[in-house]
Amino acid sequence: MKERGYKTSGVNFGNNAVYDFDNLRLYCLFHPSPRNVNTGRINRDEFVNTLKDAKEYSSSGKKY
């Protein structure tokens, strides 16, 4: 992101975190690996809901 000129100060990765930039929305989500699932860092519902939110937002025509 920095290479493309986005200011990333104040952006901290966190599961289900969302950040808006000038023309970009960034969704942070843990990878659904066995380790993350087994340790409870992410579950199926969180993963699916975040993908649904991203799809809904991208189809809504809203601007960043």
C-alpha atoms as a PDB file:
ATOM      1  CA  MET A   1       0.000   0.000   0.000  1.00  0.00           C
ATOM      2  CA  LYS A   2       2.820   2.378   0.819  1.00  0.00           C
ATOM      3  CA  GLU A   3       4.329   1.703  -2.602  1.00  0.00           C
ATOM      4  CA  ARG A   4       1.101   2.992  -4.163  1.00  0.00           C
ATOM      5  CA  GLY A   5       1.162   6.159  -2.078  1.00  0.00           C
ATOM      6  CA  TYR A   6      -1.425   5.316   0.571  1.00  0.00           C
ATOM      7  CA  LYS A   7      -0.774   6.654   4.052  1.00  0.00           C
ATOM      8  CA  THR A   8      -0.866   3.656   6.355  1.00  0.00           C
ATOM      9  CA  SER A   9      -0.098   5.271   9.701  1.00  0.00           C
ATOM     10  CA  GLY A  10      -2.757   4.263  12.182  1.00  0.00           C
ATOM     11  CA  VAL A  11      -3.604   1.107  10.254  1.00  0.00           C
ATOM     12  CA  ASN A  12      -3.238  -1.927  12.465  1.00  0.00           C
ATOM     13  CA  PHE A  13      -4.157  -5.356  11.235  1.00  0.00           C
ATOM     14  CA  GLY A  14      -6.953  -6.896  13.226  1.00  0.00           C
ATOM     15  CA  ASN A  15      -9.456  -9.561  12.395  1.00  0.00           C
ATOM     16  CA  ASN A  16     -12.570  -7.968  10.870  1.00  0.00           C
ATOM     17  CA  ALA A  17     -10.984  -4.502  10.785  1.00  0.00           C
ATOM     18  CA  VAL A  18     -12.017  -2.229   7.899  1.00  0.00           C
ATOM     19  CA  TYR A  19     -10.080   0.802   6.659  1.00  0.00           C
ATOM     20  CA  ASP A  20     -11.123   3.346   4.043  1.00  0.00           C
ATOM     21  CA  PHE A  21      -8.600   5.139   1.862  1.00  0.00           C
ATOM     22  CA  ASP A  22      -9.141   7.619  -0.974  1.00  0.00           C
ATOM     23  CA  ASN A  23     -10.417   5.058  -3.465  1.00  0.00           C
ATOM     24  CA  LEU A  24      -9.938   1.789  -1.657  1.00  0.00           C
ATOM     25  CA  ARG A  25     -11.567  -0.127   1.178  1.00  0.00           C
ATOM     26  CA  LEU A  26      -9.322  -2.619   2.978  1.00  0.00           C
ATOM     27  CA  TYR A  27     -10.837  -5.575   4.828  1.00  0.00           C
ATOM     28  CA  CYS A  28      -8.544  -7.368   7.275  1.00  0.00           C
ATOM     29  CA  LEU A  29      -9.264 -10.996   7.981  1.00  0.00           C
ATOM     30  CA  PHE A  30      -7.249 -13.894   9.326  1.00  0.00           C
ATOM     31  CA  HIS A  31      -6.553 -16.681   6.860  1.00  0.00           C
ATOM     32  CA  PRO A  32      -8.846 -19.663   7.557  1.00  0.00           C
ATOM     33  CA  SER A  33      -5.945 -22.045   8.091  1.00  0.00           C
ATOM     34  CA  PRO A  34      -6.383 -25.038  10.396  1.00  0.00           C
ATOM     35  CA  ARG A  35      -4.201 -23.301  12.971  1.00  0.00           C
ATOM     36  CA  ASN A  36      -6.309 -20.116  13.023  1.00  0.00           C
ATOM     37  CA  VAL A  37      -9.536 -22.115  13.089  1.00  0.00           C
ATOM     38  CA  ASN A  38      -8.378 -24.533  15.789  1.00  0.00           C
ATOM     39  CA  THR A  39      -7.098 -21.727  18.024  1.00  0.00           C
ATOM     40  CA  GLY A  40     -10.315 -19.731  17.601  1.00  0.00           C
ATOM     41  CA  ARG A  41      -8.684 -16.779  15.838  1.00  0.00           C
ATOM     42  CA  ILE A  42     -11.340 -17.074  13.132  1.00  0.00           C
ATOM     43  CA  ASN A  43     -14.393 -19.179  12.501  1.00  0.00           C
ATOM     44  CA  ARG A  44     -16.502 -19.949   9.457  1.00  0.00           C
ATOM     45  CA  ASP A  45     -19.216 -17.411  10.289  1.00  0.00           C
ATOM     46  CA  GLU A  46     -16.713 -14.550  10.681  1.00  0.00           C
ATOM     47  CA  PHE A  47     -15.045 -15.440   7.410  1.00  0.00           C
ATOM     48  CA  VAL A  48     -18.293 -15.741   5.445  1.00  0.00           C
ATOM     49  CA  ASN A  49     -19.793 -12.581   6.983  1.00  0.00           C
ATOM     50  CA  THR A  50     -16.740 -10.494   6.124  1.00  0.00           C
ATOM     51  CA  LEU A  51     -16.842 -11.708   2.525  1.00  0.00           C
ATOM     52  CA  LYS A  52     -20.578 -10.921   2.381  1.00  0.00           C
ATOM     53  CA  ASP A  53     -19.951  -7.424   3.764  1.00  0.00           C
ATOM     54  CA  ALA A  54     -17.259  -6.808   1.149  1.00  0.00           C
ATOM     55  CA  LYS A  55     -19.518  -8.034  -1.640  1.00  0.00           C
ATOM     56  CA  GLU A  56     -22.433  -5.920  -0.432  1.00  0.00           C
ATOM     57  CA  TYR A  57     -20.257  -2.833  -0.152  1.00  0.00           C
ATOM     58  CA  SER A  58     -18.725  -3.293  -3.593  1.00  0.00           C
ATOM     59  CA  SER A  59     -22.171  -3.741  -5.171  1.00  0.00           C
ATOM     60  CA  SER A  60     -23.732  -0.792  -3.355  1.00  0.00           C
ATOM     61  CA  GLY A  61     -22.069   1.864  -5.460  1.00  0.00           C
ATOM     62  CA  LYS A  62     -20.935   3.672  -2.323  1.00  0.00           C
ATOM     63  CA  LYS A  63     -17.811   5.749  -2.628  1.00  0.00           C
ATOM     64  CA  TYR A  64     -14.906   5.379  -0.264  1.00  0.00           C
END
